Amino acid sequence: MSQPKLVLVGGNGFLGRHLATHFQTLGYQVVSISRTGPGDVRWDARTLGPWARELEGADLLVNLAGRSVDCRYSEANRQAILTSRTDSTRVLGAAVAACARPPRVWLNSSTATIYPDTRGDAPANVEANSTPGGPFSEKVGRAWEAAFWAAPAPATTRRVALRTAIVLGADGGAFPVLARLARFGLCTPQGAGQQWISWLHIIDFCRAVEFLAKADDLSGPVNLCAPYPLRNREFNALLARALRPLLKLPQPRWLLEVGAFVLRTETELILKSRKVYPERLLAAGFRFEYERCAAAVGELIES
């Protein structure tokens, strides 16, 4: 049998590095397409080019391309966040459509932030719950998915939108920053602390992508998150118990706003309430290694 091939687009970041390693361990040939960094093939994320040849006969295409949302939401940054996602998805669709042997599966990044802010003890959002309107981040998620579903890919290419929650890992993403701040006493509720956090261990992120690559009857939007979200105050309590800082400093909303301004980011990243449930993933038979955040945090602190 020939070696299966994964084409990984925009894979220079935290998620992409782990996915590449995971699939190489499974025996895949991994080809990375990126604008900058150590990728195998270059592209501009907007126009067709020689890079498109890599999609011919690929078993799996995973698109992670998109500008980081860890910035101030100025008009220029908003436009860059939006177009980096929609333009890259559209041009990938054109490349897939032009293939004589198109990829068997196309997994395209989306975001669990596509769902509205979850108030109180409202039920968790499942895949059918996305609604129009809402703040900038929700509109980006819907535009991103609209570009994905509008792409002229052939019916033989199965498509899945990965509505991914916050992915926790020891070597990238948000967790190392949160753990470092917690060691200095910032392991208290952020704002009121009642906002929900949906999360996923990096090991389960890679396992879920592998599962979806093989789940031939599963297409459409899929929530990538652990089945037990928790409140912000509970998450910070886990950090406090694990790291035992000498001080515990309060984090009222006004202080978070000042800190976000200084760090050139947005408080929405920690104050929006995200309560999401992986209904379709569980129904298809996926089982998590880390269902509860306490186990995930414990493993990450020790690693």
C-alpha atoms as a PDB file:
ATOM      1  CA  MET A   1       0.000   0.000   0.000  1.00  0.00           C
ATOM      2  CA  SER A   2       1.186   3.527  -0.773  1.00  0.00           C
ATOM      3  CA  GLN A   3       1.918   5.925   2.055  1.00  0.00           C
ATOM      4  CA  PRO A   4      -1.129   8.075   2.912  1.00  0.00           C
ATOM      5  CA  LYS A   5      -0.660  11.816   2.447  1.00  0.00           C
ATOM      6  CA  LEU A   6      -1.768  14.713   4.654  1.00  0.00           C
ATOM      7  CA  VAL A   7      -1.600  18.236   3.257  1.00  0.00           C
ATOM      8  CA  LEU A   8      -1.452  20.590   6.215  1.00  0.00           C
ATOM      9  CA  VAL A   9      -2.160  24.244   5.416  1.00  0.00           C
ATOM     10  CA  GLY A  10      -1.140  26.968   7.854  1.00  0.00           C
ATOM     11  CA  GLY A  11       0.433  24.392  10.131  1.00  0.00           C
ATOM     12  CA  ASN A  12       3.378  26.317  11.607  1.00  0.00           C
ATOM     13  CA  GLY A  13       1.620  27.065  14.886  1.00  0.00           C
ATOM     14  CA  PHE A  14       0.936  25.088  18.024  1.00  0.00           C
ATOM     15  CA  LEU A  15      -1.887  22.957  16.586  1.00  0.00           C
ATOM     16  CA  GLY A  16      -0.133  22.322  13.301  1.00  0.00           C
ATOM     17  CA  ARG A  17       3.101  21.150  14.901  1.00  0.00           C
ATOM     18  CA  HIS A  18       1.254  18.610  17.012  1.00  0.00           C
ATOM     19  CA  LEU A  19      -0.884  17.416  14.101  1.00  0.00           C
ATOM     20  CA  ALA A  20       2.167  16.941  11.886  1.00  0.00           C
ATOM     21  CA  THR A  21       3.910  14.844  14.551  1.00  0.00           C
ATOM     22  CA  HIS A  22       0.757  12.828  15.267  1.00  0.00           C
ATOM     23  CA  PHE A  23       0.144  11.912  11.630  1.00  0.00           C
ATOM     24  CA  GLN A  24       3.808  11.201  10.923  1.00  0.00           C
ATOM     25  CA  THR A  25       3.645   8.710  13.784  1.00  0.00           C
ATOM     26  CA  LEU A  26       0.660   7.118  12.031  1.00  0.00           C
ATOM     27  CA  GLY A  27       2.764   6.680   8.897  1.00  0.00           C
ATOM     28  CA  TYR A  28       1.498   9.635   6.853  1.00  0.00           C
ATOM     29  CA  GLN A  29       3.562  11.719   4.505  1.00  0.00           C
ATOM     30  CA  VAL A  30       2.908  15.252   5.803  1.00  0.00           C
ATOM     31  CA  VAL A  31       3.310  18.187   3.420  1.00  0.00           C
ATOM     32  CA  SER A  32       3.052  21.621   5.021  1.00  0.00           C
ATOM     33  CA  ILE A  33       1.886  24.647   3.024  1.00  0.00           C
ATOM     34  CA  SER A  34       2.493  28.029   4.657  1.00  0.00           C
ATOM     35  CA  ARG A  35       3.131  31.693   3.934  1.00  0.00           C
ATOM     36  CA  THR A  36       6.186  31.922   6.210  1.00  0.00           C
ATOM     37  CA  GLY A  37       8.242  29.711   8.521  1.00  0.00           C
ATOM     38  CA  PRO A  38       9.496  26.171   8.008  1.00  0.00           C
ATOM     39  CA  GLY A  39       6.755  24.901   5.667  1.00  0.00           C
ATOM     40  CA  ASP A  40       7.571  22.569   2.763  1.00  0.00           C
ATOM     41  CA  VAL A  41       5.669  24.639   0.186  1.00  0.00           C
ATOM     42  CA  ARG A  42       4.933  28.384  -0.012  1.00  0.00           C
ATOM     43  CA  TRP A  43       1.666  30.098  -0.881  1.00  0.00           C
ATOM     44  CA  ASP A  44       0.149  33.565  -0.447  1.00  0.00           C
ATOM     45  CA  ALA A  45      -3.177  32.195   0.894  1.00  0.00           C
ATOM     46  CA  ARG A  46      -5.076  34.118  -1.784  1.00  0.00           C
ATOM     47  CA  THR A  47      -4.170  32.911  -5.273  1.00  0.00           C
ATOM     48  CA  LEU A  48      -3.643  29.614  -7.060  1.00  0.00           C
ATOM     49  CA  GLY A  49      -0.058  28.593  -7.694  1.00  0.00           C
ATOM     50  CA  PRO A  50       2.323  25.620  -7.881  1.00  0.00           C
ATOM     51  CA  TRP A  51       1.368  24.737  -4.302  1.00  0.00           C
ATOM     52  CA  ALA A  52      -1.984  23.448  -5.552  1.00  0.00           C
ATOM     53  CA  ARG A  53      -0.290  20.404  -7.110  1.00  0.00           C
ATOM     54  CA  GLU A  54       0.281  19.028  -3.603  1.00  0.00           C
ATOM     55  CA  LEU A  55      -3.456  18.421  -3.224  1.00  0.00           C
ATOM     56  CA  GLU A  56      -3.536  15.895  -6.086  1.00  0.00           C
ATOM     57  CA  GLY A  57      -4.342  12.485  -4.682  1.00  0.00           C
ATOM     58  CA  ALA A  58      -4.053  13.570  -1.035  1.00  0.00           C
ATOM     59  CA  ASP A  59      -5.886  11.434   1.495  1.00  0.00           C
ATOM     60  CA  LEU A  60      -6.467  14.335   3.858  1.00  0.00           C
ATOM     61  CA  LEU A  61      -6.419  18.129   3.614  1.00  0.00           C
ATOM     62  CA  VAL A  62      -6.424  20.073   6.888  1.00  0.00           C
ATOM     63  CA  ASN A  63      -6.649  23.861   6.732  1.00  0.00           C
ATOM     64  CA  LEU A  64      -5.575  25.776   9.847  1.00  0.00           C
ATOM     65  CA  ALA A  65      -4.780  29.066   8.094  1.00  0.00           C
ATOM     66  CA  GLY A  66      -5.912  32.310   9.709  1.00  0.00           C
ATOM     67  CA  ARG A  67      -4.459  35.377  11.372  1.00  0.00           C
ATOM     68  CA  SER A  68      -4.244  35.190  15.171  1.00  0.00           C
ATOM     69  CA  VAL A  69      -7.150  36.773  17.065  1.00  0.00           C
ATOM     70  CA  ASP A  70      -4.786  37.716  19.913  1.00  0.00           C
ATOM     71  CA  CYS A  71      -4.703  41.406  18.995  1.00  0.00           C
ATOM     72  CA  ARG A  72      -6.708  44.606  19.355  1.00  0.00           C
ATOM     73  CA  TYR A  73      -9.809  44.567  17.189  1.00  0.00           C
ATOM     74  CA  SER A  74      -8.973  47.639  15.157  1.00  0.00           C
ATOM     75  CA  GLU A  75     -10.674  47.938  11.786  1.00  0.00           C
ATOM     76  CA  ALA A  76      -7.480  46.845   9.996  1.00  0.00           C
ATOM     77  CA  ASN A  77      -7.039  43.840  12.293  1.00  0.00           C
ATOM     78  CA  ARG A  78     -10.683  42.849  11.963  1.00  0.00           C
ATOM     79  CA  GLN A  79     -10.357  42.866   8.198  1.00  0.00           C
ATOM     80  CA  ALA A  80      -7.141  40.827   8.329  1.00  0.00           C
ATOM     81  CA  ILE A  81      -8.672  38.270  10.718  1.00  0.00           C
ATOM     82  CA  LEU A  82     -11.695  37.832   8.449  1.00  0.00           C
ATOM     83  CA  THR A  83     -10.014  37.773   5.032  1.00  0.00           C
ATOM     84  CA  SER A  84      -7.149  35.520   6.138  1.00  0.00           C
ATOM     85  CA  ARG A  85      -9.773  32.867   6.863  1.00  0.00           C
ATOM     86  CA  THR A  86     -12.212  33.374   4.006  1.00  0.00           C
ATOM     87  CA  ASP A  87      -9.644  34.021   1.253  1.00  0.00           C
ATOM     88  CA  SER A  88      -7.529  30.988   2.144  1.00  0.00           C
ATOM     89  CA  THR A  89     -10.614  28.770   2.300  1.00  0.00           C
ATOM     90  CA  ARG A  90     -11.909  30.016  -1.059  1.00  0.00           C
ATOM     91  CA  VAL A  91      -8.627  29.458  -2.881  1.00  0.00           C
ATOM     92  CA  LEU A  92      -8.291  25.991  -1.375  1.00  0.00           C
ATOM     93  CA  GLY A  93     -11.759  25.250  -2.712  1.00  0.00           C
ATOM     94  CA  ALA A  94     -10.667  26.335  -6.182  1.00  0.00           C
ATOM     95  CA  ALA A  95      -7.556  24.150  -5.920  1.00  0.00           C
ATOM     96  CA  VAL A  96      -9.565  21.116  -4.782  1.00  0.00           C
ATOM     97  CA  ALA A  97     -12.063  21.622  -7.609  1.00  0.00           C
ATOM     98  CA  ALA A  98      -9.222  21.681 -10.165  1.00  0.00           C
ATOM     99  CA  CYS A  99      -7.735  18.374  -8.999  1.00  0.00           C
ATOM    100  CA  ALA A 100      -7.986  15.316 -11.230  1.00  0.00           C
ATOM    101  CA  ARG A 101      -7.771  13.265  -7.993  1.00  0.00           C
ATOM    102  CA  PRO A 102      -9.099  15.598  -5.282  1.00  0.00           C
ATOM    103  CA  PRO A 103      -8.429  15.032  -1.581  1.00  0.00           C
ATOM    104  CA  ARG A 104     -10.636  12.365  -0.053  1.00  0.00           C
ATOM    105  CA  VAL A 105     -11.324  14.454   3.083  1.00  0.00           C
ATOM    106  CA  TRP A 106     -11.095  18.190   3.720  1.00  0.00           C
ATOM    107  CA  LEU A 107     -11.134  19.315   7.346  1.00  0.00           C
ATOM    108  CA  ASN A 108     -11.336  23.096   7.612  1.00  0.00           C
ATOM    109  CA  SER A 109     -10.829  25.081  10.791  1.00  0.00           C
ATOM    110  CA  SER A 110     -13.761  26.915  12.296  1.00  0.00           C
ATOM    111  CA  THR A 111     -14.295  28.048  15.877  1.00  0.00           C
ATOM    112  CA  ALA A 112     -16.467  27.267  18.890  1.00  0.00           C
ATOM    113  CA  THR A 113     -16.809  31.043  19.222  1.00  0.00           C
ATOM    114  CA  ILE A 114     -19.373  30.835  16.426  1.00  0.00           C
ATOM    115  CA  TYR A 115     -21.948  30.235  19.176  1.00  0.00           C
ATOM    116  CA  PRO A 116     -23.557  33.038  21.203  1.00  0.00           C
ATOM    117  CA  ASP A 117     -22.449  33.949  24.707  1.00  0.00           C
ATOM    118  CA  THR A 118     -23.839  31.304  27.091  1.00  0.00           C
ATOM    119  CA  ARG A 119     -25.726  32.819  30.014  1.00  0.00           C
ATOM    120  CA  GLY A 120     -26.105  31.194  33.423  1.00  0.00           C
ATOM    121  CA  ASP A 121     -26.959  27.512  33.395  1.00  0.00           C
ATOM    122  CA  ALA A 122     -28.259  27.452  29.824  1.00  0.00           C
ATOM    123  CA  PRO A 123     -27.691  24.169  27.970  1.00  0.00           C
ATOM    124  CA  ALA A 124     -24.420  23.786  26.101  1.00  0.00           C
ATOM    125  CA  ASN A 125     -24.388  24.649  22.416  1.00  0.00           C
ATOM    126  CA  VAL A 126     -24.512  21.735  20.000  1.00  0.00           C
ATOM    127  CA  GLU A 127     -23.873  21.807  16.268  1.00  0.00           C
ATOM    128  CA  ALA A 128     -27.406  22.959  15.356  1.00  0.00           C
ATOM    129  CA  ASN A 129     -27.334  26.043  17.580  1.00  0.00           C
ATOM    130  CA  SER A 130     -25.421  28.666  15.550  1.00  0.00           C
ATOM    131  CA  THR A 131     -27.550  31.801  15.066  1.00  0.00           C
ATOM    132  CA  PRO A 132     -27.184  35.018  13.015  1.00  0.00           C
ATOM    133  CA  GLY A 133     -26.130  38.344  14.521  1.00  0.00           C
ATOM    134  CA  GLY A 134     -23.784  38.609  17.468  1.00  0.00           C
ATOM    135  CA  PRO A 135     -20.352  40.199  17.961  1.00  0.00           C
ATOM    136  CA  PHE A 136     -17.412  40.237  15.579  1.00  0.00           C
ATOM    137  CA  SER A 137     -16.004  36.817  16.545  1.00  0.00           C
ATOM    138  CA  GLU A 138     -19.303  35.064  15.837  1.00  0.00           C
ATOM    139  CA  LYS A 139     -19.645  36.802  12.471  1.00  0.00           C
ATOM    140  CA  VAL A 140     -16.120  35.691  11.547  1.00  0.00           C
ATOM    141  CA  GLY A 141     -17.015  32.084  12.353  1.00  0.00           C
ATOM    142  CA  ARG A 142     -20.112  32.186  10.171  1.00  0.00           C
ATOM    143  CA  ALA A 143     -18.314  33.885   7.261  1.00  0.00           C
ATOM    144  CA  TRP A 144     -15.497  31.329   7.516  1.00  0.00           C
ATOM    145  CA  GLU A 145     -17.894  28.411   7.316  1.00  0.00           C
ATOM    146  CA  ALA A 146     -19.919  30.070   4.552  1.00  0.00           C
ATOM    147  CA  ALA A 147     -16.740  30.283   2.446  1.00  0.00           C
ATOM    148  CA  PHE A 148     -16.060  26.616   3.184  1.00  0.00           C
ATOM    149  CA  TRP A 149     -19.502  25.366   2.172  1.00  0.00           C
ATOM    150  CA  ALA A 150     -19.565  27.610  -0.900  1.00  0.00           C
ATOM    151  CA  ALA A 151     -16.240  26.220  -2.179  1.00  0.00           C
ATOM    152  CA  PRO A 152     -16.708  24.260  -5.428  1.00  0.00           C
ATOM    153  CA  ALA A 153     -15.198  21.024  -4.102  1.00  0.00           C
ATOM    154  CA  PRO A 154     -16.485  17.823  -5.715  1.00  0.00           C
ATOM    155  CA  ALA A 155     -18.964  15.579  -3.956  1.00  0.00           C
ATOM    156  CA  THR A 156     -16.247  12.936  -3.596  1.00  0.00           C
ATOM    157  CA  THR A 157     -14.407  15.188  -1.110  1.00  0.00           C
ATOM    158  CA  ARG A 158     -15.998  14.839   2.325  1.00  0.00           C
ATOM    159  CA  ARG A 159     -15.972  18.136   4.210  1.00  0.00           C
ATOM    160  CA  VAL A 160     -15.982  18.810   7.965  1.00  0.00           C
ATOM    161  CA  ALA A 161     -15.837  22.204   9.709  1.00  0.00           C
ATOM    162  CA  LEU A 162     -13.837  21.933  12.936  1.00  0.00           C
ATOM    163  CA  ARG A 163     -15.555  24.136  15.526  1.00  0.00           C
ATOM    164  CA  THR A 164     -12.591  24.005  17.876  1.00  0.00           C
ATOM    165  CA  ALA A 165     -12.646  25.218  21.474  1.00  0.00           C
ATOM    166  CA  ILE A 166      -9.584  26.391  23.459  1.00  0.00           C
ATOM    167  CA  VAL A 167      -6.904  23.733  23.027  1.00  0.00           C
ATOM    168  CA  LEU A 168      -4.707  23.160  26.077  1.00  0.00           C
ATOM    169  CA  GLY A 169      -1.095  22.110  25.658  1.00  0.00           C
ATOM    170  CA  ALA A 170       2.113  22.518  27.626  1.00  0.00           C
ATOM    171  CA  ASP A 171       4.130  23.959  24.747  1.00  0.00           C
ATOM    172  CA  GLY A 172       1.818  26.417  23.023  1.00  0.00           C
ATOM    173  CA  GLY A 173      -1.552  28.107  22.868  1.00  0.00           C
ATOM    174  CA  ALA A 174      -3.047  29.826  25.904  1.00  0.00           C
ATOM    175  CA  PHE A 175      -2.126  27.364  28.639  1.00  0.00           C
ATOM    176  CA  PRO A 176       1.575  28.231  29.170  1.00  0.00           C
ATOM    177  CA  VAL A 177       0.668  31.913  29.504  1.00  0.00           C
ATOM    178  CA  LEU A 178      -2.161  31.199  31.954  1.00  0.00           C
ATOM    179  CA  ALA A 179       0.061  28.899  34.031  1.00  0.00           C
ATOM    180  CA  ARG A 180       2.841  31.493  34.154  1.00  0.00           C
ATOM    181  CA  LEU A 181       0.432  34.205  35.301  1.00  0.00           C
ATOM    182  CA  ALA A 182      -1.071  31.806  37.849  1.00  0.00           C
ATOM    183  CA  ARG A 183       2.352  31.269  39.420  1.00  0.00           C
ATOM    184  CA  PHE A 184       2.441  35.003  40.113  1.00  0.00           C
ATOM    185  CA  GLY A 185      -0.979  34.949  41.768  1.00  0.00           C
ATOM    186  CA  LEU A 186      -3.266  35.561  38.795  1.00  0.00           C
ATOM    187  CA  CYS A 187      -5.235  32.362  39.349  1.00  0.00           C
ATOM    188  CA  THR A 188      -8.396  34.063  40.583  1.00  0.00           C
ATOM    189  CA  PRO A 189     -11.691  34.489  38.694  1.00  0.00           C
ATOM    190  CA  GLN A 190     -11.328  36.783  35.691  1.00  0.00           C
ATOM    191  CA  GLY A 191     -14.120  39.292  35.938  1.00  0.00           C
ATOM    192  CA  ALA A 192     -17.102  37.665  37.647  1.00  0.00           C
ATOM    193  CA  GLY A 193     -15.673  34.238  36.859  1.00  0.00           C
ATOM    194  CA  GLN A 194     -19.094  32.898  35.844  1.00  0.00           C
ATOM    195  CA  GLN A 195     -18.258  32.629  32.143  1.00  0.00           C
ATOM    196  CA  TRP A 196     -18.042  29.114  30.748  1.00  0.00           C
ATOM    197  CA  ILE A 197     -14.846  27.698  29.264  1.00  0.00           C
ATOM    198  CA  SER A 198     -14.998  24.994  26.627  1.00  0.00           C
ATOM    199  CA  TRP A 199     -11.634  23.319  26.196  1.00  0.00           C
ATOM    200  CA  LEU A 200      -9.794  20.353  24.678  1.00  0.00           C
ATOM    201  CA  HIS A 201      -6.465  18.682  25.491  1.00  0.00           C
ATOM    202  CA  ILE A 202      -4.004  18.775  22.586  1.00  0.00           C
ATOM    203  CA  ILE A 203      -3.817  14.968  22.615  1.00  0.00           C
ATOM    204  CA  ASP A 204      -7.580  14.743  22.093  1.00  0.00           C
ATOM    205  CA  PHE A 205      -7.454  17.436  19.409  1.00  0.00           C
ATOM    206  CA  CYS A 206      -5.037  15.305  17.360  1.00  0.00           C
ATOM    207  CA  ARG A 207      -7.004  12.121  18.069  1.00  0.00           C
ATOM    208  CA  ALA A 208     -10.261  13.810  17.043  1.00  0.00           C
ATOM    209  CA  VAL A 209      -8.773  14.990  13.742  1.00  0.00           C
ATOM    210  CA  GLU A 210      -7.554  11.437  13.092  1.00  0.00           C
ATOM    211  CA  PHE A 211     -11.018  10.089  13.978  1.00  0.00           C
ATOM    212  CA  LEU A 212     -12.766  12.546  11.651  1.00  0.00           C
ATOM    213  CA  ALA A 213     -10.382  11.710   8.834  1.00  0.00           C
ATOM    214  CA  LYS A 214     -11.605   8.110   9.009  1.00  0.00           C
ATOM    215  CA  ALA A 215     -15.299   8.678   9.849  1.00  0.00           C
ATOM    216  CA  ASP A 216     -16.636   8.320   6.313  1.00  0.00           C
ATOM    217  CA  ASP A 217     -20.263   9.027   7.265  1.00  0.00           C
ATOM    218  CA  LEU A 218     -19.537  12.257   9.170  1.00  0.00           C
ATOM    219  CA  SER A 219     -19.582  15.638   7.430  1.00  0.00           C
ATOM    220  CA  GLY A 220     -20.707  19.183   8.223  1.00  0.00           C
ATOM    221  CA  PRO A 221     -19.879  21.124  11.408  1.00  0.00           C
ATOM    222  CA  VAL A 222     -18.403  19.200  14.341  1.00  0.00           C
ATOM    223  CA  ASN A 223     -17.641  20.608  17.797  1.00  0.00           C
ATOM    224  CA  LEU A 224     -14.099  19.815  18.941  1.00  0.00           C
ATOM    225  CA  CYS A 225     -14.254  20.215  22.712  1.00  0.00           C
ATOM    226  CA  ALA A 226     -14.259  18.049  25.821  1.00  0.00           C
ATOM    227  CA  PRO A 227     -17.734  17.016  27.040  1.00  0.00           C
ATOM    228  CA  TYR A 228     -17.438  18.834  30.381  1.00  0.00           C
ATOM    229  CA  PRO A 229     -17.028  22.627  30.117  1.00  0.00           C
ATOM    230  CA  LEU A 230     -16.405  24.467  33.362  1.00  0.00           C
ATOM    231  CA  ARG A 231     -16.702  28.001  34.673  1.00  0.00           C
ATOM    232  CA  ASN A 232     -13.787  30.403  34.667  1.00  0.00           C
ATOM    233  CA  ARG A 233     -13.606  30.448  38.480  1.00  0.00           C
ATOM    234  CA  GLU A 234     -13.398  26.636  38.525  1.00  0.00           C
ATOM    235  CA  PHE A 235     -10.620  26.609  35.937  1.00  0.00           C
ATOM    236  CA  ASN A 236      -8.599  29.145  37.900  1.00  0.00           C
ATOM    237  CA  ALA A 237      -9.164  27.146  41.092  1.00  0.00           C
ATOM    238  CA  LEU A 238      -7.580  24.146  39.332  1.00  0.00           C
ATOM    239  CA  LEU A 239      -4.525  26.249  38.506  1.00  0.00           C
ATOM    240  CA  ALA A 240      -4.343  27.549  42.075  1.00  0.00           C
ATOM    241  CA  ARG A 241      -4.445  24.057  43.573  1.00  0.00           C
ATOM    242  CA  ALA A 242      -1.818  22.751  41.174  1.00  0.00           C
ATOM    243  CA  LEU A 243       0.619  25.684  41.364  1.00  0.00           C
ATOM    244  CA  ARG A 244       0.068  26.965  44.936  1.00  0.00           C
ATOM    245  CA  PRO A 245       1.125  30.614  44.452  1.00  0.00           C
ATOM    246  CA  LEU A 246       2.064  32.635  47.543  1.00  0.00           C
ATOM    247  CA  LEU A 247      -0.447  35.345  46.635  1.00  0.00           C
ATOM    248  CA  LYS A 248      -3.827  35.386  44.935  1.00  0.00           C
ATOM    249  CA  LEU A 249      -4.481  38.685  43.213  1.00  0.00           C
ATOM    250  CA  PRO A 250      -7.988  39.799  42.177  1.00  0.00           C
ATOM    251  CA  GLN A 251      -8.762  40.317  38.488  1.00  0.00           C
ATOM    252  CA  PRO A 252     -11.761  42.668  38.201  1.00  0.00           C
ATOM    253  CA  ARG A 253     -13.005  43.496  34.732  1.00  0.00           C
ATOM    254  CA  TRP A 254     -11.594  47.051  34.757  1.00  0.00           C
ATOM    255  CA  LEU A 255      -8.115  45.690  35.464  1.00  0.00           C
ATOM    256  CA  LEU A 256      -8.458  43.152  32.674  1.00  0.00           C
ATOM    257  CA  GLU A 257      -9.400  45.974  30.291  1.00  0.00           C
ATOM    258  CA  VAL A 258      -6.257  47.890  31.255  1.00  0.00           C
ATOM    259  CA  GLY A 259      -4.119  44.774  30.879  1.00  0.00           C
ATOM    260  CA  ALA A 260      -5.623  43.946  27.491  1.00  0.00           C
ATOM    261  CA  PHE A 261      -4.902  47.463  26.262  1.00  0.00           C
ATOM    262  CA  VAL A 262      -1.268  47.263  27.399  1.00  0.00           C
ATOM    263  CA  LEU A 263      -0.793  43.790  25.895  1.00  0.00           C
ATOM    264  CA  ARG A 264      -2.595  44.802  22.669  1.00  0.00           C
ATOM    265  CA  THR A 265      -5.272  42.122  22.934  1.00  0.00           C
ATOM    266  CA  GLU A 266      -9.014  41.905  23.736  1.00  0.00           C
ATOM    267  CA  THR A 267     -10.787  40.893  26.941  1.00  0.00           C
ATOM    268  CA  GLU A 268     -13.348  38.943  24.891  1.00  0.00           C
ATOM    269  CA  LEU A 269     -10.791  36.141  24.679  1.00  0.00           C
ATOM    270  CA  ILE A 270     -11.211  35.466  28.412  1.00  0.00           C
ATOM    271  CA  LEU A 271     -14.584  37.036  29.240  1.00  0.00           C
ATOM    272  CA  LYS A 272     -16.842  35.541  26.574  1.00  0.00           C
ATOM    273  CA  SER A 273     -18.845  32.597  27.915  1.00  0.00           C
ATOM    274  CA  ARG A 274     -18.343  29.517  25.726  1.00  0.00           C
ATOM    275  CA  LYS A 275     -20.344  26.440  26.674  1.00  0.00           C
ATOM    276  CA  VAL A 276     -20.146  23.854  23.919  1.00  0.00           C
ATOM    277  CA  TYR A 277     -20.863  20.128  23.748  1.00  0.00           C
ATOM    278  CA  PRO A 278     -19.344  17.613  21.249  1.00  0.00           C
ATOM    279  CA  GLU A 279     -22.647  15.966  20.398  1.00  0.00           C
ATOM    280  CA  ARG A 280     -21.800  14.678  16.913  1.00  0.00           C
ATOM    281  CA  LEU A 281     -18.301  13.517  17.849  1.00  0.00           C
ATOM    282  CA  LEU A 282     -19.596  11.443  20.763  1.00  0.00           C
ATOM    283  CA  ALA A 283     -22.518  10.087  18.751  1.00  0.00           C
ATOM    284  CA  ALA A 284     -20.059   8.877  16.117  1.00  0.00           C
ATOM    285  CA  GLY A 285     -18.165   6.878  18.745  1.00  0.00           C
ATOM    286  CA  PHE A 286     -15.212   9.088  19.693  1.00  0.00           C
ATOM    287  CA  ARG A 287     -13.933   8.691  23.263  1.00  0.00           C
ATOM    288  CA  PHE A 288     -11.805  11.301  24.990  1.00  0.00           C
ATOM    289  CA  GLU A 289      -8.629  10.594  26.918  1.00  0.00           C
ATOM    290  CA  TYR A 290      -9.245  13.798  28.902  1.00  0.00           C
ATOM    291  CA  GLU A 291     -12.935  14.348  29.632  1.00  0.00           C
ATOM    292  CA  ARG A 292     -12.422  16.461  32.760  1.00  0.00           C
ATOM    293  CA  CYS A 293     -10.332  19.587  32.953  1.00  0.00           C
ATOM    294  CA  ALA A 294      -8.780  18.609  36.310  1.00  0.00           C
ATOM    295  CA  ALA A 295      -7.063  15.616  34.690  1.00  0.00           C
ATOM    296  CA  ALA A 296      -5.919  17.699  31.719  1.00  0.00           C
ATOM    297  CA  VAL A 297      -4.488  20.490  33.882  1.00  0.00           C
ATOM    298  CA  GLY A 298      -2.747  17.956  36.119  1.00  0.00           C
ATOM    299  CA  GLU A 299      -1.087  16.271  33.154  1.00  0.00           C
ATOM    300  CA  LEU A 300      -0.010  19.569  31.597  1.00  0.00           C
ATOM    301  CA  ILE A 301       1.479  20.935  34.819  1.00  0.00           C
ATOM    302  CA  GLU A 302       3.510  17.762  35.271  1.00  0.00           C
ATOM    303  CA  SER A 303       4.737  17.595  31.672  1.00  0.00           C
END
